[in-house]
Amino acid sequence: MKNAQPQSSFMKLSPERKDSSTEIQHIKNGDHDKNRDIEAVFAHMDANKDGKISPDELQKSFMTLGEQLSDEEAETAVRLSDTDGDGMLDFEEFSQLIKGDDKCSEEEKKMELKEAFRMYIAEGEEFITPKSLKMMLKKLGESRTTDDCRVMIRAFDLNDDGVLSFDEFALMMR
């Protein structure tokens, strides 16, 4: 019987590995959940329920979160994401704004992942080790024991070698 694993900024890890079909279904459900969350946020921000978010609605939504957004900043945010030129954000435009730029090439995404991976490895190493993970988490303000880090790594260590390769890290980050 496995113990419950600690949670960290590294990843919230599931208590046990899932087979690939379960993992694929989880990924699909995760996308569905994410879209549902975006729909809920959109509906909340669309104060007049016209199916679009105006710069004024965006600004007021930020205020309810305790953030200030000037008229100019709100108008610029909408203008940059407004693909149909109507001066407002429909759901698709808002969704794209929230999700970020999915237009990055696969090569760009892989390079970004490699950069992130390098942050977790010690100099001269090719893998994320429990020790290197512990050091990075400490830099991020999260104190973990080496044993905690071993447990976190084990969840994604497909070949059971006790470390994370880039491919294992990339799979984890999906």
N, C-alpha and C. Protein backbone atom coordinates (compact mmCIF):
# COMPACT_ATOMS: atom_id res chain seq x y z
N MET A 1 0.85 -1.19 0.00
CA MET A 1 0.00 0.00 0.00
C MET A 1 0.88 1.24 0.00
N LYS A 2 0.59 2.13 -0.91
CA LYS A 2 1.40 3.34 -1.01
C LYS A 2 0.87 4.40 -0.07
N ASN A 3 1.77 5.23 0.45
CA ASN A 3 1.38 6.35 1.28
C ASN A 3 0.90 7.48 0.40
N ALA A 4 0.09 8.35 0.96
CA ALA A 4 -0.31 9.54 0.21
C ALA A 4 0.93 10.37 -0.04
N GLN A 5 1.03 10.90 -1.23
CA GLN A 5 2.23 11.64 -1.60
C GLN A 5 2.07 13.11 -1.26
N PRO A 6 3.17 13.78 -0.92
CA PRO A 6 3.10 15.20 -0.62
C PRO A 6 2.76 16.00 -1.87
N GLN A 7 2.16 17.16 -1.68
CA GLN A 7 1.88 18.05 -2.79
C GLN A 7 2.90 19.17 -2.78
N SER A 8 3.24 19.67 -3.94
CA SER A 8 4.23 20.72 -4.01
C SER A 8 3.99 21.59 -5.22
N SER A 9 4.81 22.62 -5.34
CA SER A 9 4.73 23.45 -6.53
C SER A 9 5.33 22.72 -7.72
N PHE A 10 6.04 21.64 -7.47
CA PHE A 10 6.60 20.83 -8.56
C PHE A 10 5.46 20.24 -9.37
N MET A 11 4.51 19.64 -8.72
CA MET A 11 3.29 19.10 -9.33
C MET A 11 2.43 18.55 -8.23
N LYS A 12 1.13 18.57 -8.42
CA LYS A 12 0.27 17.81 -7.52
C LYS A 12 0.25 16.42 -8.11
N LEU A 13 0.75 15.48 -7.35
CA LEU A 13 0.90 14.13 -7.89
C LEU A 13 -0.23 13.23 -7.43
N SER A 14 -0.65 12.35 -8.30
CA SER A 14 -1.68 11.40 -7.93
C SER A 14 -1.06 10.32 -7.06
N PRO A 15 -1.86 9.69 -6.17
CA PRO A 15 -1.31 8.70 -5.26
C PRO A 15 -0.78 7.46 -5.95
N GLU A 16 -1.29 7.12 -7.12
CA GLU A 16 -0.79 5.95 -7.82
C GLU A 16 -0.72 6.26 -9.30
N ARG A 17 0.13 5.53 -10.03
CA ARG A 17 0.19 5.70 -11.48
C ARG A 17 -1.06 5.16 -12.11
N LYS A 18 -1.42 5.73 -13.23
CA LYS A 18 -2.58 5.28 -13.96
C LYS A 18 -2.09 4.60 -15.22
N ASP A 19 -2.89 3.66 -15.75
CA ASP A 19 -2.50 3.08 -17.03
C ASP A 19 -2.73 4.15 -18.09
N SER A 20 -2.19 3.94 -19.28
CA SER A 20 -2.22 5.00 -20.30
C SER A 20 -3.63 5.36 -20.73
N SER A 21 -4.56 4.40 -20.81
CA SER A 21 -5.92 4.74 -21.22
C SER A 21 -6.60 5.61 -20.17
N THR A 22 -6.35 5.32 -18.89
CA THR A 22 -6.91 6.15 -17.82
C THR A 22 -6.30 7.53 -17.87
N GLU A 23 -5.00 7.60 -18.14
CA GLU A 23 -4.31 8.89 -18.21
C GLU A 23 -4.83 9.72 -19.38
N ILE A 24 -5.07 9.09 -20.52
CA ILE A 24 -5.59 9.81 -21.69
C ILE A 24 -6.97 10.35 -21.36
N GLN A 25 -7.82 9.53 -20.72
CA GLN A 25 -9.15 9.99 -20.34
C GLN A 25 -9.06 11.15 -19.36
N HIS A 26 -8.11 11.07 -18.41
CA HIS A 26 -7.90 12.14 -17.44
C HIS A 26 -7.49 13.44 -18.15
N ILE A 27 -6.63 13.32 -19.15
CA ILE A 27 -6.19 14.50 -19.90
C ILE A 27 -7.38 15.10 -20.63
N LYS A 28 -8.21 14.26 -21.27
CA LYS A 28 -9.40 14.76 -21.96
C LYS A 28 -10.35 15.43 -20.98
N ASN A 29 -10.57 14.80 -19.82
CA ASN A 29 -11.44 15.39 -18.81
C ASN A 29 -10.84 16.69 -18.30
N GLY A 30 -9.53 16.74 -18.16
CA GLY A 30 -8.86 17.96 -17.71
C GLY A 30 -9.11 19.10 -18.67
N ASP A 31 -9.04 18.82 -19.98
CA ASP A 31 -9.34 19.84 -20.98
C ASP A 31 -10.79 20.27 -20.87
N HIS A 32 -11.69 19.31 -20.68
CA HIS A 32 -13.11 19.62 -20.56
C HIS A 32 -13.36 20.48 -19.32
N ASP A 33 -12.73 20.10 -18.19
CA ASP A 33 -12.86 20.88 -16.96
C ASP A 33 -12.32 22.29 -17.14
N LYS A 34 -11.19 22.41 -17.83
CA LYS A 34 -10.58 23.72 -18.07
C LYS A 34 -11.52 24.59 -18.91
N ASN A 35 -12.11 24.01 -19.94
CA ASN A 35 -13.05 24.77 -20.77
C ASN A 35 -14.28 25.19 -19.98
N ARG A 36 -14.76 24.31 -19.11
CA ARG A 36 -15.91 24.64 -18.27
C ARG A 36 -15.56 25.78 -17.33
N ASP A 37 -14.35 25.76 -16.78
CA ASP A 37 -13.90 26.85 -15.90
C ASP A 37 -13.83 28.17 -16.67
N ILE A 38 -13.31 28.12 -17.88
CA ILE A 38 -13.21 29.34 -18.70
C ILE A 38 -14.61 29.85 -19.02
N GLU A 39 -15.55 28.95 -19.32
CA GLU A 39 -16.93 29.36 -19.59
C GLU A 39 -17.54 30.06 -18.37
N ALA A 40 -17.27 29.53 -17.17
CA ALA A 40 -17.81 30.12 -15.95
C ALA A 40 -17.23 31.52 -15.72
N VAL A 41 -15.94 31.67 -15.94
CA VAL A 41 -15.30 32.98 -15.77
C VAL A 41 -15.87 33.96 -16.80
N PHE A 42 -15.99 33.49 -18.04
CA PHE A 42 -16.54 34.34 -19.10
C PHE A 42 -17.96 34.81 -18.73
N ALA A 43 -18.80 33.88 -18.28
CA ALA A 43 -20.17 34.22 -17.92
C ALA A 43 -20.21 35.24 -16.78
N HIS A 44 -19.30 35.10 -15.84
CA HIS A 44 -19.24 36.05 -14.72
C HIS A 44 -18.81 37.44 -15.20
N MET A 45 -17.83 37.48 -16.09
CA MET A 45 -17.31 38.76 -16.56
C MET A 45 -18.27 39.46 -17.53
N ASP A 46 -19.10 38.69 -18.22
CA ASP A 46 -20.06 39.24 -19.17
C ASP A 46 -21.28 39.75 -18.40
N ALA A 47 -21.11 40.89 -17.77
CA ALA A 47 -22.12 41.43 -16.84
C ALA A 47 -23.48 41.64 -17.48
N ASN A 48 -23.53 42.11 -18.73
CA ASN A 48 -24.83 42.37 -19.36
C ASN A 48 -25.35 41.16 -20.16
N LYS A 49 -24.62 40.06 -20.10
CA LYS A 49 -25.03 38.78 -20.70
C LYS A 49 -25.32 38.88 -22.20
N ASP A 50 -24.51 39.70 -22.91
CA ASP A 50 -24.69 39.81 -24.35
C ASP A 50 -23.77 38.87 -25.13
N GLY A 51 -23.02 38.03 -24.40
CA GLY A 51 -22.13 37.08 -25.07
C GLY A 51 -20.78 37.68 -25.44
N LYS A 52 -20.50 38.86 -24.93
CA LYS A 52 -19.23 39.54 -25.22
C LYS A 52 -18.76 40.28 -23.98
N ILE A 53 -17.44 40.42 -23.86
CA ILE A 53 -16.86 41.18 -22.76
C ILE A 53 -16.30 42.47 -23.33
N SER A 54 -16.80 43.58 -22.82
CA SER A 54 -16.33 44.89 -23.26
C SER A 54 -15.12 45.29 -22.41
N PRO A 55 -14.37 46.30 -22.84
CA PRO A 55 -13.28 46.79 -22.00
C PRO A 55 -13.77 47.21 -20.61
N ASP A 56 -14.97 47.81 -20.55
CA ASP A 56 -15.54 48.24 -19.27
C ASP A 56 -15.84 47.03 -18.37
N GLU A 57 -16.40 45.97 -18.94
CA GLU A 57 -16.68 44.76 -18.16
C GLU A 57 -15.38 44.12 -17.68
N LEU A 58 -14.37 44.14 -18.53
CA LEU A 58 -13.06 43.59 -18.14
C LEU A 58 -12.49 44.38 -16.97
N GLN A 59 -12.57 45.69 -17.08
CA GLN A 59 -12.05 46.58 -16.03
C GLN A 59 -12.79 46.35 -14.71
N LYS A 60 -14.11 46.26 -14.74
CA LYS A 60 -14.91 46.04 -13.53
C LYS A 60 -14.61 44.67 -12.91
N SER A 61 -14.38 43.68 -13.75
CA SER A 61 -14.05 42.34 -13.24
C SER A 61 -12.73 42.36 -12.49
N PHE A 62 -11.77 43.10 -13.03
CA PHE A 62 -10.49 43.23 -12.35
C PHE A 62 -10.66 43.92 -11.01
N MET A 63 -11.53 44.93 -10.96
CA MET A 63 -11.77 45.65 -9.70
C MET A 63 -12.34 44.71 -8.64
N THR A 64 -13.23 43.80 -9.04
CA THR A 64 -13.81 42.88 -8.06
C THR A 64 -12.75 41.93 -7.51
N LEU A 65 -11.68 41.76 -8.25
CA LEU A 65 -10.56 40.92 -7.79
C LEU A 65 -9.54 41.73 -7.00
N GLY A 66 -9.81 43.02 -6.84
CA GLY A 66 -8.90 43.87 -6.09
C GLY A 66 -7.74 44.39 -6.93
N GLU A 67 -7.85 44.29 -8.24
CA GLU A 67 -6.80 44.76 -9.14
C GLU A 67 -7.28 46.00 -9.89
N GLN A 68 -6.36 46.89 -10.18
CA GLN A 68 -6.68 48.08 -10.96
C GLN A 68 -6.26 47.87 -12.41
N LEU A 69 -7.14 48.24 -13.30
CA LEU A 69 -6.86 48.17 -14.73
C LEU A 69 -7.35 49.49 -15.30
N SER A 70 -6.44 50.27 -15.87
CA SER A 70 -6.84 51.57 -16.41
C SER A 70 -7.71 51.37 -17.65
N ASP A 71 -8.40 52.45 -18.05
CA ASP A 71 -9.21 52.39 -19.27
C ASP A 71 -8.35 51.96 -20.45
N GLU A 72 -7.18 52.57 -20.53
CA GLU A 72 -6.27 52.28 -21.65
C GLU A 72 -5.81 50.82 -21.63
N GLU A 73 -5.48 50.30 -20.44
CA GLU A 73 -5.04 48.90 -20.33
C GLU A 73 -6.16 47.94 -20.72
N ALA A 74 -7.39 48.22 -20.28
CA ALA A 74 -8.53 47.37 -20.62
C ALA A 74 -8.79 47.38 -22.12
N GLU A 75 -8.75 48.57 -22.71
CA GLU A 75 -8.97 48.68 -24.15
C GLU A 75 -7.87 47.98 -24.94
N THR A 76 -6.65 48.11 -24.48
CA THR A 76 -5.52 47.46 -25.16
C THR A 76 -5.64 45.94 -25.05
N ALA A 77 -5.98 45.43 -23.86
CA ALA A 77 -6.13 43.98 -23.68
C ALA A 77 -7.20 43.43 -24.62
N VAL A 78 -8.30 44.14 -24.73
CA VAL A 78 -9.38 43.68 -25.62
C VAL A 78 -8.93 43.79 -27.07
N ARG A 79 -8.35 44.91 -27.44
CA ARG A 79 -7.93 45.12 -28.83
C ARG A 79 -6.94 44.05 -29.29
N LEU A 80 -6.00 43.66 -28.42
CA LEU A 80 -4.99 42.68 -28.80
C LEU A 80 -5.57 41.27 -29.00
N SER A 81 -6.69 41.00 -28.36
CA SER A 81 -7.29 39.66 -28.46
C SER A 81 -8.53 39.63 -29.35
N ASP A 82 -8.97 40.79 -29.78
CA ASP A 82 -10.19 40.92 -30.58
C ASP A 82 -9.90 40.61 -32.04
N THR A 83 -10.18 39.37 -32.45
CA THR A 83 -9.83 38.96 -33.82
C THR A 83 -10.85 39.39 -34.86
N ASP A 84 -12.10 39.66 -34.43
CA ASP A 84 -13.11 40.05 -35.41
C ASP A 84 -13.30 41.57 -35.51
N GLY A 85 -12.56 42.34 -34.69
CA GLY A 85 -12.54 43.78 -34.80
C GLY A 85 -13.77 44.51 -34.29
N ASP A 86 -14.60 43.85 -33.45
CA ASP A 86 -15.80 44.53 -32.96
C ASP A 86 -15.58 45.28 -31.65
N GLY A 87 -14.33 45.28 -31.14
CA GLY A 87 -14.02 46.01 -29.93
C GLY A 87 -14.43 45.31 -28.65
N MET A 88 -14.80 44.03 -28.77
CA MET A 88 -15.22 43.25 -27.61
C MET A 88 -14.66 41.83 -27.75
N LEU A 89 -14.71 41.10 -26.64
CA LEU A 89 -14.22 39.72 -26.66
C LEU A 89 -15.39 38.75 -26.62
N ASP A 90 -15.53 37.94 -27.68
CA ASP A 90 -16.51 36.86 -27.61
C ASP A 90 -15.85 35.69 -26.88
N PHE A 91 -16.58 34.61 -26.69
CA PHE A 91 -16.04 33.50 -25.89
C PHE A 91 -14.76 32.94 -26.49
N GLU A 92 -14.73 32.74 -27.81
CA GLU A 92 -13.54 32.16 -28.44
C GLU A 92 -12.31 33.05 -28.25
N GLU A 93 -12.49 34.35 -28.41
CA GLU A 93 -11.38 35.29 -28.22
C GLU A 93 -10.91 35.30 -26.77
N PHE A 94 -11.87 35.30 -25.85
CA PHE A 94 -11.55 35.27 -24.42
C PHE A 94 -10.83 33.97 -24.06
N SER A 95 -11.34 32.87 -24.57
CA SER A 95 -10.74 31.56 -24.31
C SER A 95 -9.29 31.52 -24.79
N GLN A 96 -9.05 32.05 -25.98
CA GLN A 96 -7.70 32.08 -26.53
C GLN A 96 -6.79 32.97 -25.67
N LEU A 97 -7.32 34.08 -25.18
CA LEU A 97 -6.56 34.97 -24.31
C LEU A 97 -6.16 34.24 -23.03
N ILE A 98 -7.10 33.51 -22.43
CA ILE A 98 -6.84 32.80 -21.18
C ILE A 98 -5.88 31.63 -21.40
N LYS A 99 -6.09 30.88 -22.45
CA LYS A 99 -5.26 29.69 -22.70
C LYS A 99 -3.86 30.06 -23.15
N GLY A 100 -3.70 31.23 -23.70
CA GLY A 100 -2.38 31.62 -24.19
C GLY A 100 -2.25 31.31 -25.66
N ASP A 101 -1.08 31.51 -26.16
CA ASP A 101 -0.82 31.34 -27.59
C ASP A 101 -0.54 29.89 -27.90
N ASP A 102 -1.55 29.18 -28.41
CA ASP A 102 -1.37 27.79 -28.81
C ASP A 102 -0.73 27.69 -30.19
N LYS A 103 -0.39 28.84 -30.77
CA LYS A 103 0.17 28.84 -32.11
C LYS A 103 1.67 28.59 -32.11
N CYS A 104 2.24 28.40 -30.92
CA CYS A 104 3.66 28.08 -30.85
C CYS A 104 3.91 26.77 -31.57
N SER A 105 5.01 26.70 -32.24
CA SER A 105 5.34 25.45 -32.92
C SER A 105 5.71 24.40 -31.89
N GLU A 106 5.65 23.17 -32.29
CA GLU A 106 6.04 22.07 -31.40
C GLU A 106 7.50 22.24 -30.97
N GLU A 107 8.32 22.73 -31.89
CA GLU A 107 9.74 22.94 -31.57
C GLU A 107 9.90 24.00 -30.49
N GLU A 108 9.11 25.09 -30.57
CA GLU A 108 9.17 26.14 -29.54
C GLU A 108 8.72 25.61 -28.19
N LYS A 109 7.65 24.81 -28.19
CA LYS A 109 7.17 24.22 -26.95
C LYS A 109 8.22 23.30 -26.34
N LYS A 110 8.88 22.51 -27.19
CA LYS A 110 9.91 21.60 -26.70
C LYS A 110 11.09 22.38 -26.12
N MET A 111 11.45 23.49 -26.77
CA MET A 111 12.55 24.31 -26.26
C MET A 111 12.19 24.91 -24.90
N GLU A 112 10.95 25.37 -24.75
CA GLU A 112 10.51 25.92 -23.46
C GLU A 112 10.54 24.85 -22.38
N LEU A 113 10.11 23.64 -22.72
CA LEU A 113 10.15 22.54 -21.76
C LEU A 113 11.59 22.21 -21.37
N LYS A 114 12.49 22.24 -22.35
CA LYS A 114 13.90 21.95 -22.04
C LYS A 114 14.48 23.00 -21.10
N GLU A 115 14.08 24.26 -21.31
CA GLU A 115 14.53 25.33 -20.42
C GLU A 115 14.04 25.09 -18.99
N ALA A 116 12.78 24.73 -18.87
CA ALA A 116 12.22 24.44 -17.55
C ALA A 116 12.91 23.22 -16.94
N PHE A 117 13.16 22.21 -17.73
CA PHE A 117 13.83 21.00 -17.26
C PHE A 117 15.21 21.33 -16.70
N ARG A 118 15.95 22.18 -17.43
CA ARG A 118 17.30 22.56 -16.99
C ARG A 118 17.30 23.25 -15.63
N MET A 119 16.20 23.92 -15.30
CA MET A 119 16.11 24.59 -14.01
C MET A 119 16.13 23.57 -12.86
N TYR A 120 15.65 22.37 -13.12
CA TYR A 120 15.54 21.35 -12.08
C TYR A 120 16.73 20.41 -12.00
N ILE A 121 17.65 20.49 -12.93
CA ILE A 121 18.79 19.59 -12.89
C ILE A 121 20.03 20.30 -12.34
N ALA A 122 20.85 19.53 -11.68
CA ALA A 122 22.10 20.08 -11.15
C ALA A 122 23.12 20.18 -12.27
N GLU A 123 24.05 21.10 -12.13
CA GLU A 123 25.09 21.29 -13.13
C GLU A 123 25.83 19.98 -13.38
N GLY A 124 26.00 19.63 -14.64
CA GLY A 124 26.71 18.41 -15.00
C GLY A 124 25.82 17.18 -15.02
N GLU A 125 24.57 17.32 -14.63
CA GLU A 125 23.64 16.19 -14.62
C GLU A 125 22.78 16.22 -15.88
N GLU A 126 22.18 15.08 -16.18
CA GLU A 126 21.27 15.00 -17.32
C GLU A 126 19.85 14.66 -16.90
N PHE A 127 19.64 14.46 -15.60
CA PHE A 127 18.36 14.04 -15.07
C PHE A 127 17.98 14.87 -13.86
N ILE A 128 16.70 14.88 -13.54
CA ILE A 128 16.24 15.49 -12.30
C ILE A 128 16.39 14.42 -11.22
N THR A 129 17.21 14.71 -10.24
CA THR A 129 17.44 13.79 -9.13
C THR A 129 16.66 14.28 -7.91
N PRO A 130 16.46 13.42 -6.93
CA PRO A 130 15.79 13.91 -5.71
C PRO A 130 16.52 15.11 -5.10
N LYS A 131 17.84 15.08 -5.14
CA LYS A 131 18.62 16.18 -4.56
C LYS A 131 18.43 17.48 -5.37
N SER A 132 18.47 17.38 -6.70
CA SER A 132 18.31 18.59 -7.52
C SER A 132 16.89 19.13 -7.41
N LEU A 133 15.90 18.25 -7.30
CA LEU A 133 14.53 18.68 -7.12
C LEU A 133 14.38 19.41 -5.78
N LYS A 134 14.97 18.85 -4.75
CA LYS A 134 14.91 19.46 -3.42
C LYS A 134 15.52 20.87 -3.46
N MET A 135 16.66 21.02 -4.14
CA MET A 135 17.31 22.33 -4.22
C MET A 135 16.43 23.34 -4.95
N MET A 136 15.80 22.93 -6.06
CA MET A 136 14.96 23.85 -6.82
C MET A 136 13.72 24.23 -6.02
N LEU A 137 13.11 23.26 -5.35
CA LEU A 137 11.94 23.57 -4.55
C LEU A 137 12.30 24.54 -3.43
N LYS A 138 13.48 24.38 -2.87
CA LYS A 138 13.93 25.30 -1.82
C LYS A 138 14.06 26.72 -2.39
N LYS A 139 14.61 26.84 -3.61
CA LYS A 139 14.72 28.15 -4.26
C LYS A 139 13.35 28.76 -4.49
N LEU A 140 12.34 27.90 -4.71
CA LEU A 140 10.97 28.37 -4.94
C LEU A 140 10.23 28.62 -3.63
N GLY A 141 10.94 28.43 -2.52
CA GLY A 141 10.34 28.70 -1.21
C GLY A 141 9.58 27.55 -0.61
N GLU A 142 9.78 26.35 -1.14
CA GLU A 142 9.09 25.18 -0.62
C GLU A 142 10.10 24.17 -0.11
N SER A 143 10.07 23.94 1.16
CA SER A 143 11.03 23.03 1.79
C SER A 143 10.49 21.60 1.77
N ARG A 144 11.25 20.70 1.20
CA ARG A 144 10.89 19.28 1.13
C ARG A 144 12.10 18.44 1.50
N THR A 145 11.84 17.26 2.03
CA THR A 145 12.95 16.35 2.33
C THR A 145 13.34 15.64 1.05
N THR A 146 14.50 15.04 1.06
CA THR A 146 14.95 14.26 -0.09
C THR A 146 14.00 13.09 -0.33
N ASP A 147 13.50 12.50 0.76
CA ASP A 147 12.55 11.40 0.62
C ASP A 147 11.25 11.86 -0.05
N ASP A 148 10.76 13.06 0.32
CA ASP A 148 9.58 13.62 -0.35
C ASP A 148 9.83 13.74 -1.85
N CYS A 149 11.01 14.20 -2.20
CA CYS A 149 11.36 14.38 -3.60
C CYS A 149 11.45 13.05 -4.33
N ARG A 150 11.95 12.02 -3.66
CA ARG A 150 11.98 10.67 -4.26
C ARG A 150 10.57 10.20 -4.60
N VAL A 151 9.63 10.45 -3.67
CA VAL A 151 8.24 10.05 -3.89
C VAL A 151 7.66 10.80 -5.08
N MET A 152 7.92 12.11 -5.17
CA MET A 152 7.41 12.90 -6.29
C MET A 152 7.97 12.39 -7.60
N ILE A 153 9.24 12.10 -7.64
CA ILE A 153 9.88 11.62 -8.87
C ILE A 153 9.32 10.25 -9.25
N ARG A 154 9.13 9.39 -8.26
CA ARG A 154 8.67 8.03 -8.52
C ARG A 154 7.34 8.02 -9.28
N ALA A 155 6.51 9.00 -9.06
CA ALA A 155 5.20 9.04 -9.72
C ALA A 155 5.31 9.16 -11.24
N PHE A 156 6.40 9.72 -11.74
CA PHE A 156 6.57 9.91 -13.19
C PHE A 156 7.79 9.20 -13.74
N ASP A 157 8.46 8.45 -12.92
CA ASP A 157 9.68 7.72 -13.30
C ASP A 157 9.28 6.42 -14.00
N LEU A 158 9.10 6.49 -15.30
CA LEU A 158 8.57 5.36 -16.06
C LEU A 158 9.49 4.14 -16.09
N ASN A 159 10.79 4.36 -16.03
CA ASN A 159 11.72 3.22 -16.08
C ASN A 159 12.29 2.85 -14.71
N ASP A 160 11.74 3.44 -13.66
CA ASP A 160 12.12 3.12 -12.27
C ASP A 160 13.62 3.24 -11.99
N ASP A 161 14.26 4.26 -12.59
CA ASP A 161 15.70 4.44 -12.32
C ASP A 161 15.95 5.48 -11.22
N GLY A 162 14.86 6.03 -10.64
CA GLY A 162 15.01 6.96 -9.52
C GLY A 162 15.24 8.40 -9.90
N VAL A 163 15.26 8.70 -11.19
CA VAL A 163 15.46 10.06 -11.68
C VAL A 163 14.47 10.32 -12.82
N LEU A 164 14.29 11.60 -13.17
CA LEU A 164 13.42 11.94 -14.29
C LEU A 164 14.26 12.38 -15.48
N SER A 165 14.06 11.70 -16.59
CA SER A 165 14.68 12.12 -17.85
C SER A 165 13.85 13.26 -18.44
N PHE A 166 14.35 13.87 -19.49
CA PHE A 166 13.58 14.93 -20.14
C PHE A 166 12.25 14.40 -20.64
N ASP A 167 12.23 13.21 -21.25
CA ASP A 167 10.99 12.65 -21.78
C ASP A 167 9.96 12.41 -20.67
N GLU A 168 10.41 11.93 -19.52
CA GLU A 168 9.50 11.72 -18.39
C GLU A 168 8.98 13.06 -17.88
N PHE A 169 9.85 14.06 -17.82
CA PHE A 169 9.47 15.40 -17.39
C PHE A 169 8.44 15.99 -18.35
N ALA A 170 8.67 15.83 -19.65
CA ALA A 170 7.74 16.35 -20.67
C ALA A 170 6.38 15.69 -20.53
N LEU A 171 6.35 14.39 -20.30
CA LEU A 171 5.08 13.69 -20.11
C LEU A 171 4.35 14.22 -18.89
N MET A 172 5.09 14.46 -17.82
CA MET A 172 4.52 14.97 -16.59
C MET A 172 3.91 16.36 -16.82
N MET A 173 4.53 17.19 -17.63
CA MET A 173 4.12 18.57 -17.82
C MET A 173 2.92 18.71 -18.76
N ARG A 174 2.50 17.64 -19.41
CA ARG A 174 1.35 17.72 -20.31
C ARG A 174 0.12 18.11 -19.57
